[in-house]
């Protein structure tokens, strides 16, 4: 996936839909603009924590366990 990734939840959804890689551009650039290399580290840590929290909410403990069954369609 190469566009629209803004949060750890976006990463989780992309992986659940079958992505093998997720490119994170804009958030990293925002972190760089606001805080240099420390800002980039902060953004990446935030994304990692969001992904970890979302995985826990889905009962998933490993990236390998993520699949489309964790998704639901809001109607």
PDB file of N, CA and C in Angstrom:
ATOM      1  N   UNK A   1       0.859  -1.167   0.000  1.00  0.00           N
ATOM      2  CA  UNK A   1       0.000   0.000   0.000  1.00  0.00           C
ATOM      3  C   UNK A   1       0.903   1.226   0.000  1.00  0.00           C
ATOM      4  N   UNK A   2       0.599   2.169  -0.841  1.00  0.00           N
ATOM      5  CA  UNK A   2       1.477   3.320  -0.998  1.00  0.00           C
ATOM      6  C   UNK A   2       0.749   4.650  -0.891  1.00  0.00           C
ATOM      7  N   UNK A   3      -0.377   4.682  -0.219  1.00  0.00           N
ATOM      8  CA  UNK A   3      -1.047   5.969  -0.054  1.00  0.00           C
ATOM      9  C   UNK A   3      -2.112   5.896   1.031  1.00  0.00           C
ATOM     10  N   UNK A   4      -2.331   7.002   1.688  1.00  0.00           N
ATOM     11  CA  UNK A   4      -3.428   7.120   2.638  1.00  0.00           C
ATOM     12  C   UNK A   4      -3.170   6.550   4.022  1.00  0.00           C
ATOM     13  N   UNK A   5      -1.987   6.106   4.308  1.00  0.00           N
ATOM     14  CA  UNK A   5      -1.697   5.536   5.629  1.00  0.00           C
ATOM     15  C   UNK A   5      -1.379   6.678   6.591  1.00  0.00           C
ATOM     16  N   UNK A   6      -2.228   6.826   7.614  1.00  0.00           N
ATOM     17  CA  UNK A   6      -2.062   7.917   8.567  1.00  0.00           C
ATOM     18  C   UNK A   6      -1.995   7.437  10.018  1.00  0.00           C
ATOM     19  N   UNK A   7      -2.379   6.157  10.253  1.00  0.00           N
ATOM     20  CA  UNK A   7      -2.428   5.675  11.636  1.00  0.00           C
ATOM     21  C   UNK A   7      -2.107   4.189  11.687  1.00  0.00           C
ATOM     22  N   UNK A   8      -1.903   3.703  12.903  1.00  0.00           N
ATOM     23  CA  UNK A   8      -1.686   2.284  13.089  1.00  0.00           C
ATOM     24  C   UNK A   8      -2.889   1.464  12.670  1.00  0.00           C
ATOM     25  N   UNK A   9      -4.076   2.041  12.819  1.00  0.00           N
ATOM     26  CA  UNK A   9      -5.301   1.366  12.381  1.00  0.00           C
ATOM     27  C   UNK A   9      -5.294   1.182  10.874  1.00  0.00           C
ATOM     28  N   UNK A  10      -4.818   2.185  10.151  1.00  0.00           N
ATOM     29  CA  UNK A  10      -4.698   2.066   8.688  1.00  0.00           C
ATOM     30  C   UNK A  10      -3.735   0.939   8.315  1.00  0.00           C
ATOM     31  N   UNK A  11      -2.647   0.820   9.060  1.00  0.00           N
ATOM     32  CA  UNK A  11      -1.678  -0.248   8.809  1.00  0.00           C
ATOM     33  C   UNK A  11      -2.335  -1.607   9.036  1.00  0.00           C
ATOM     34  N   UNK A  12      -3.063  -1.735  10.137  1.00  0.00           N
ATOM     35  CA  UNK A  12      -3.744  -2.995  10.455  1.00  0.00           C
ATOM     36  C   UNK A  12      -4.732  -3.367   9.358  1.00  0.00           C
ATOM     37  N   UNK A  13      -5.525  -2.414   8.908  1.00  0.00           N
ATOM     38  CA  UNK A  13      -6.507  -2.701   7.858  1.00  0.00           C
ATOM     39  C   UNK A  13      -5.836  -3.106   6.558  1.00  0.00           C
ATOM     40  N   UNK A  14      -4.753  -2.439   6.212  1.00  0.00           N
ATOM     41  CA  UNK A  14      -4.036  -2.783   4.981  1.00  0.00           C
ATOM     42  C   UNK A  14      -3.479  -4.204   5.055  1.00  0.00           C
ATOM     43  N   UNK A  15      -2.887  -4.545   6.191  1.00  0.00           N
ATOM     44  CA  UNK A  15      -2.349  -5.894   6.364  1.00  0.00           C
ATOM     45  C   UNK A  15      -3.468  -6.935   6.326  1.00  0.00           C
ATOM     46  N   UNK A  16      -4.603  -6.614   6.940  1.00  0.00           N
ATOM     47  CA  UNK A  16      -5.733  -7.544   6.950  1.00  0.00           C
ATOM     48  C   UNK A  16      -6.283  -7.774   5.541  1.00  0.00           C
ATOM     49  N   UNK A  17      -6.156  -6.778   4.699  1.00  0.00           N
ATOM     50  CA  UNK A  17      -6.642  -6.902   3.321  1.00  0.00           C
ATOM     51  C   UNK A  17      -5.608  -7.540   2.398  1.00  0.00           C
ATOM     52  N   UNK A  18      -4.444  -7.910   2.951  1.00  0.00           N
ATOM     53  CA  UNK A  18      -3.469  -8.652   2.171  1.00  0.00           C
ATOM     54  C   UNK A  18      -2.185  -7.932   1.813  1.00  0.00           C
ATOM     55  N   UNK A  19      -2.019  -6.696   2.259  1.00  0.00           N
ATOM     56  CA  UNK A  19      -0.778  -5.975   1.955  1.00  0.00           C
ATOM     57  C   UNK A  19       0.410  -6.691   2.601  1.00  0.00           C
ATOM     58  N   UNK A  20       1.505  -6.733   1.874  1.00  0.00           N
ATOM     59  CA  UNK A  20       2.733  -7.301   2.429  1.00  0.00           C
ATOM     60  C   UNK A  20       3.683  -6.197   2.892  1.00  0.00           C
ATOM     61  N   UNK A  21       3.392  -4.973   2.489  1.00  0.00           N
ATOM     62  CA  UNK A  21       4.196  -3.814   2.889  1.00  0.00           C
ATOM     63  C   UNK A  21       3.296  -2.586   2.921  1.00  0.00           C
ATOM     64  N   UNK A  22       3.643  -1.655   3.784  1.00  0.00           N
ATOM     65  CA  UNK A  22       2.881  -0.419   3.915  1.00  0.00           C
ATOM     66  C   UNK A  22       3.881   0.735   3.941  1.00  0.00           C
ATOM     67  N   UNK A  23       3.772   1.638   2.977  1.00  0.00           N
ATOM     68  CA  UNK A  23       4.647   2.802   2.935  1.00  0.00           C
ATOM     69  C   UNK A  23       4.021   3.946   3.718  1.00  0.00           C
ATOM     70  N   UNK A  24       4.807   4.557   4.567  1.00  0.00           N
ATOM     71  CA  UNK A  24       4.320   5.655   5.404  1.00  0.00           C
ATOM     72  C   UNK A  24       5.128   6.889   5.029  1.00  0.00           C
ATOM     73  N   UNK A  25       4.522   7.800   4.299  1.00  0.00           N
ATOM     74  CA  UNK A  25       5.240   8.968   3.809  1.00  0.00           C
ATOM     75  C   UNK A  25       4.907  10.246   4.539  1.00  0.00           C
ATOM     76  N   UNK A  26       3.684  10.696   4.375  1.00  0.00           N
ATOM     77  CA  UNK A  26       3.304  12.008   4.897  1.00  0.00           C
ATOM     78  C   UNK A  26       3.494  12.138   6.409  1.00  0.00           C
ATOM     79  N   UNK A  27       3.049  11.175   7.231  1.00  0.00           N
ATOM     80  CA  UNK A  27       3.278  11.335   8.674  1.00  0.00           C
ATOM     81  C   UNK A  27       4.756  11.471   9.033  1.00  0.00           C
ATOM     82  N   UNK A  28       5.600  10.712   8.345  1.00  0.00           N
ATOM     83  CA  UNK A  28       7.041  10.806   8.612  1.00  0.00           C
ATOM     84  C   UNK A  28       7.569  12.187   8.222  1.00  0.00           C
ATOM     85  N   UNK A  29       7.106  12.702   7.103  1.00  0.00           N
ATOM     86  CA  UNK A  29       7.532  14.044   6.688  1.00  0.00           C
ATOM     87  C   UNK A  29       7.050  15.107   7.669  1.00  0.00           C
ATOM     88  N   UNK A  30       5.835  14.953   8.183  1.00  0.00           N
ATOM     89  CA  UNK A  30       5.342  15.893   9.198  1.00  0.00           C
ATOM     90  C   UNK A  30       6.230  15.834  10.436  1.00  0.00           C
ATOM     91  N   UNK A  31       6.580  14.625  10.871  1.00  0.00           N
ATOM     92  CA  UNK A  31       7.458  14.475  12.030  1.00  0.00           C
ATOM     93  C   UNK A  31       8.818  15.105  11.786  1.00  0.00           C
ATOM     94  N   UNK A  32       9.355  14.915  10.580  1.00  0.00           N
ATOM     95  CA  UNK A  32      10.647  15.497  10.232  1.00  0.00           C
ATOM     96  C   UNK A  32      10.576  17.015  10.245  1.00  0.00           C
ATOM     97  N   UNK A  33       9.507  17.569   9.675  1.00  0.00           N
ATOM     98  CA  UNK A  33       9.358  19.022   9.615  1.00  0.00           C
ATOM     99  C   UNK A  33       9.204  19.637  11.014  1.00  0.00           C
ATOM    100  N   UNK A  34       8.527  18.911  11.889  1.00  0.00           N
ATOM    101  CA  UNK A  34       8.256  19.465  13.221  1.00  0.00           C
ATOM    102  C   UNK A  34       9.351  19.191  14.245  1.00  0.00           C
ATOM    103  N   UNK A  35      10.088  18.082  14.050  1.00  0.00           N
ATOM    104  CA  UNK A  35      11.048  17.753  15.092  1.00  0.00           C
ATOM    105  C   UNK A  35      12.316  17.080  14.628  1.00  0.00           C
ATOM    106  N   UNK A  36      12.599  17.171  13.340  1.00  0.00           N
ATOM    107  CA  UNK A  36      13.822  16.540  12.843  1.00  0.00           C
ATOM    108  C   UNK A  36      13.790  15.040  13.029  1.00  0.00           C
ATOM    109  N   UNK A  37      14.949  14.451  13.250  1.00  0.00           N
ATOM    110  CA  UNK A  37      15.007  12.988  13.388  1.00  0.00           C
ATOM    111  C   UNK A  37      14.249  12.503  14.619  1.00  0.00           C
ATOM    112  N   UNK A  38      14.228  13.304  15.674  1.00  0.00           N
ATOM    113  CA  UNK A  38      13.451  12.933  16.862  1.00  0.00           C
ATOM    114  C   UNK A  38      11.956  12.929  16.547  1.00  0.00           C
ATOM    115  N   UNK A  39      11.521  13.848  15.698  1.00  0.00           N
ATOM    116  CA  UNK A  39      10.121  13.883  15.281  1.00  0.00           C
ATOM    117  C   UNK A  39       9.741  12.648  14.489  1.00  0.00           C
ATOM    118  N   UNK A  40      10.640  12.187  13.631  1.00  0.00           N
ATOM    119  CA  UNK A  40      10.398  10.963  12.855  1.00  0.00           C
ATOM    120  C   UNK A  40      10.292   9.777  13.804  1.00  0.00           C
ATOM    121  N   UNK A  41      11.200   9.686  14.761  1.00  0.00           N
ATOM    122  CA  UNK A  41      11.151   8.593  15.740  1.00  0.00           C
ATOM    123  C   UNK A  41       9.839   8.610  16.512  1.00  0.00           C
ATOM    124  N   UNK A  42       9.395   9.801  16.881  1.00  0.00           N
ATOM    125  CA  UNK A  42       8.137   9.925  17.621  1.00  0.00           C
ATOM    126  C   UNK A  42       6.963   9.434  16.785  1.00  0.00           C
ATOM    127  N   UNK A  43       6.901   9.845  15.527  1.00  0.00           N
ATOM    128  CA  UNK A  43       5.818   9.420  14.637  1.00  0.00           C
ATOM    129  C   UNK A  43       5.821   7.905  14.473  1.00  0.00           C
ATOM    130  N   UNK A  44       6.977   7.331  14.221  1.00  0.00           N
ATOM    131  CA  UNK A  44       7.056   5.883  14.032  1.00  0.00           C
ATOM    132  C   UNK A  44       6.690   5.128  15.304  1.00  0.00           C
ATOM    133  N   UNK A  45       7.104   5.645  16.449  1.00  0.00           N
ATOM    134  CA  UNK A  45       6.718   5.022  17.713  1.00  0.00           C
ATOM    135  C   UNK A  45       5.218   5.113  17.947  1.00  0.00           C
ATOM    136  N   UNK A  46       4.618   6.239  17.583  1.00  0.00           N
ATOM    137  CA  UNK A  46       3.166   6.392  17.718  1.00  0.00           C
ATOM    138  C   UNK A  46       2.432   5.391  16.833  1.00  0.00           C
ATOM    139  N   UNK A  47       2.872   5.262  15.590  1.00  0.00           N
ATOM    140  CA  UNK A  47       2.245   4.303  14.675  1.00  0.00           C
ATOM    141  C   UNK A  47       2.390   2.875  15.195  1.00  0.00           C
ATOM    142  N   UNK A  48       3.569   2.554  15.694  1.00  0.00           N
ATOM    143  CA  UNK A  48       3.805   1.218  16.240  1.00  0.00           C
ATOM    144  C   UNK A  48       2.891   0.947  17.429  1.00  0.00           C
ATOM    145  N   UNK A  49       2.753   1.923  18.320  1.00  0.00           N
ATOM    146  CA  UNK A  49       1.900   1.749  19.501  1.00  0.00           C
ATOM    147  C   UNK A  49       0.437   1.607  19.103  1.00  0.00           C
ATOM    148  N   UNK A  50      -0.009   2.415  18.132  1.00  0.00           N
ATOM    149  CA  UNK A  50      -1.389   2.299  17.652  1.00  0.00           C
ATOM    150  C   UNK A  50      -1.635   0.914  17.050  1.00  0.00           C
ATOM    151  N   UNK A  51      -0.700   0.438  16.246  1.00  0.00           N
ATOM    152  CA  UNK A  51      -0.840  -0.888  15.643  1.00  0.00           C
ATOM    153  C   UNK A  51      -0.888  -1.959  16.727  1.00  0.00           C
ATOM    154  N   UNK A  52      -0.009  -1.873  17.696  1.00  0.00           N
ATOM    155  CA  UNK A  52       0.021  -2.854  18.790  1.00  0.00           C
ATOM    156  C   UNK A  52      -1.282  -2.835  19.579  1.00  0.00           C
ATOM    157  N   UNK A  53      -1.794  -1.645  19.902  1.00  0.00           N
ATOM    158  CA  UNK A  53      -3.057  -1.522  20.631  1.00  0.00           C
ATOM    159  C   UNK A  53      -4.219  -2.099  19.827  1.00  0.00           C
ATOM    160  N   UNK A  54      -4.272  -1.780  18.533  1.00  0.00           N
ATOM    161  CA  UNK A  54      -5.352  -2.282  17.687  1.00  0.00           C
ATOM    162  C   UNK A  54      -5.288  -3.796  17.541  1.00  0.00           C
ATOM    163  N   UNK A  55      -4.070  -4.330  17.422  1.00  0.00           N
ATOM    164  CA  UNK A  55      -3.917  -5.782  17.352  1.00  0.00           C
ATOM    165  C   UNK A  55      -4.445  -6.434  18.627  1.00  0.00           C
ATOM    166  N   UNK A  56      -4.124  -5.838  19.776  1.00  0.00           N
ATOM    167  CA  UNK A  56      -4.589  -6.375  21.055  1.00  0.00           C
ATOM    168  C   UNK A  56      -6.112  -6.349  21.131  1.00  0.00           C
ATOM    169  N   UNK A  57      -6.721  -5.289  20.642  1.00  0.00           N
ATOM    170  CA  UNK A  57      -8.185  -5.191  20.641  1.00  0.00           C
ATOM    171  C   UNK A  57      -8.830  -6.269  19.767  1.00  0.00           C
ATOM    172  N   UNK A  58      -8.099  -6.723  18.771  1.00  0.00           N
ATOM    173  CA  UNK A  58      -8.595  -7.765  17.861  1.00  0.00           C
ATOM    174  C   UNK A  58      -8.206  -9.164  18.329  1.00  0.00           C
ATOM    175  N   UNK A  59      -7.465  -9.255  19.426  1.00  0.00           N
ATOM    176  CA  UNK A  59      -7.032 -10.545  19.927  1.00  0.00           C
ATOM    177  C   UNK A  59      -5.904 -11.159  19.129  1.00  0.00           C
ATOM    178  N   UNK A  60      -5.131 -10.314  18.464  1.00  0.00           N
ATOM    179  CA  UNK A  60      -4.035 -10.757  17.614  1.00  0.00           C
ATOM    180  C   UNK A  60      -2.717 -10.407  18.309  1.00  0.00           C
ATOM    181  N   UNK A  61      -1.806 -11.366  18.369  1.00  0.00           N
ATOM    182  CA  UNK A  61      -0.528 -11.126  19.048  1.00  0.00           C
ATOM    183  C   UNK A  61       0.659 -11.103  18.096  1.00  0.00           C
ATOM    184  N   UNK A  62       0.420 -11.396  16.824  1.00  0.00           N
ATOM    185  CA  UNK A  62       1.507 -11.446  15.850  1.00  0.00           C
ATOM    186  C   UNK A  62       1.010 -10.933  14.499  1.00  0.00           C
ATOM    187  N   UNK A  63       1.904 -10.304  13.753  1.00  0.00           N
ATOM    188  CA  UNK A  63       1.572  -9.829  12.410  1.00  0.00           C
ATOM    189  C   UNK A  63       1.059 -10.978  11.547  1.00  0.00           C
ATOM    190  N   UNK A  64       1.622 -12.166  11.746  1.00  0.00           N
ATOM    191  CA  UNK A  64       1.216 -13.337  10.960  1.00  0.00           C
ATOM    192  C   UNK A  64      -0.236 -13.735  11.188  1.00  0.00           C
ATOM    193  N   UNK A  65      -0.813 -13.327  12.308  1.00  0.00           N
ATOM    194  CA  UNK A  65      -2.196 -13.683  12.629  1.00  0.00           C
ATOM    195  C   UNK A  65      -3.212 -12.716  12.031  1.00  0.00           C
ATOM    196  N   UNK A  66      -2.768 -11.618  11.471  1.00  0.00           N
ATOM    197  CA  UNK A  66      -3.677 -10.624  10.909  1.00  0.00           C
ATOM    198  C   UNK A  66      -4.248 -11.156   9.596  1.00  0.00           C
ATOM    199  N   UNK A  67      -5.561 -11.156   9.503  1.00  0.00           N
ATOM    200  CA  UNK A  67      -6.226 -11.574   8.265  1.00  0.00           C
ATOM    201  C   UNK A  67      -7.556 -10.843   8.147  1.00  0.00           C
ATOM    202  N   UNK A  68      -8.266 -11.088   7.072  1.00  0.00           N
ATOM    203  CA  UNK A  68      -9.501 -10.342   6.803  1.00  0.00           C
ATOM    204  C   UNK A  68     -10.608 -10.637   7.818  1.00  0.00           C
ATOM    205  N   UNK A  69     -10.476 -11.700   8.600  1.00  0.00           N
ATOM    206  CA  UNK A  69     -11.502 -12.039   9.581  1.00  0.00           C
ATOM    207  C   UNK A  69     -11.608 -11.012  10.705  1.00  0.00           C
ATOM    208  N   UNK A  70     -10.585 -10.177  10.893  1.00  0.00           N
ATOM    209  CA  UNK A  70     -10.648  -9.166  11.959  1.00  0.00           C
ATOM    210  C   UNK A  70     -11.410  -7.922  11.509  1.00  0.00           C
ATOM    211  N   UNK A  71     -11.729  -7.831  10.231  1.00  0.00           N
ATOM    212  CA  UNK A  71     -12.435  -6.671   9.690  1.00  0.00           C
ATOM    213  C   UNK A  71     -13.943  -6.895   9.746  1.00  0.00           C
ATOM    214  N   UNK A  72     -14.689  -5.814   9.833  1.00  0.00           N
ATOM    215  CA  UNK A  72     -16.125  -5.899   9.710  1.00  0.00           C
ATOM    216  C   UNK A  72     -16.597  -4.754   8.832  1.00  0.00           C
ATOM    217  N   UNK A  73     -17.739  -4.948   8.237  1.00  0.00           N
ATOM    218  CA  UNK A  73     -18.305  -3.914   7.360  1.00  0.00           C
ATOM    219  C   UNK A  73     -19.385  -3.173   8.125  1.00  0.00           C
ATOM    220  N   UNK A  74     -19.201  -1.885   8.258  1.00  0.00           N
ATOM    221  CA  UNK A  74     -20.177  -1.036   8.923  1.00  0.00           C
ATOM    222  C   UNK A  74     -21.276  -0.695   7.929  1.00  0.00           C
ATOM    223  N   UNK A  75     -22.495  -1.030   8.269  1.00  0.00           N
ATOM    224  CA  UNK A  75     -23.624  -0.745   7.352  1.00  0.00           C
ATOM    225  C   UNK A  75     -24.565   0.252   7.915  1.00  0.00           C
TER     226      UNK A  75
END
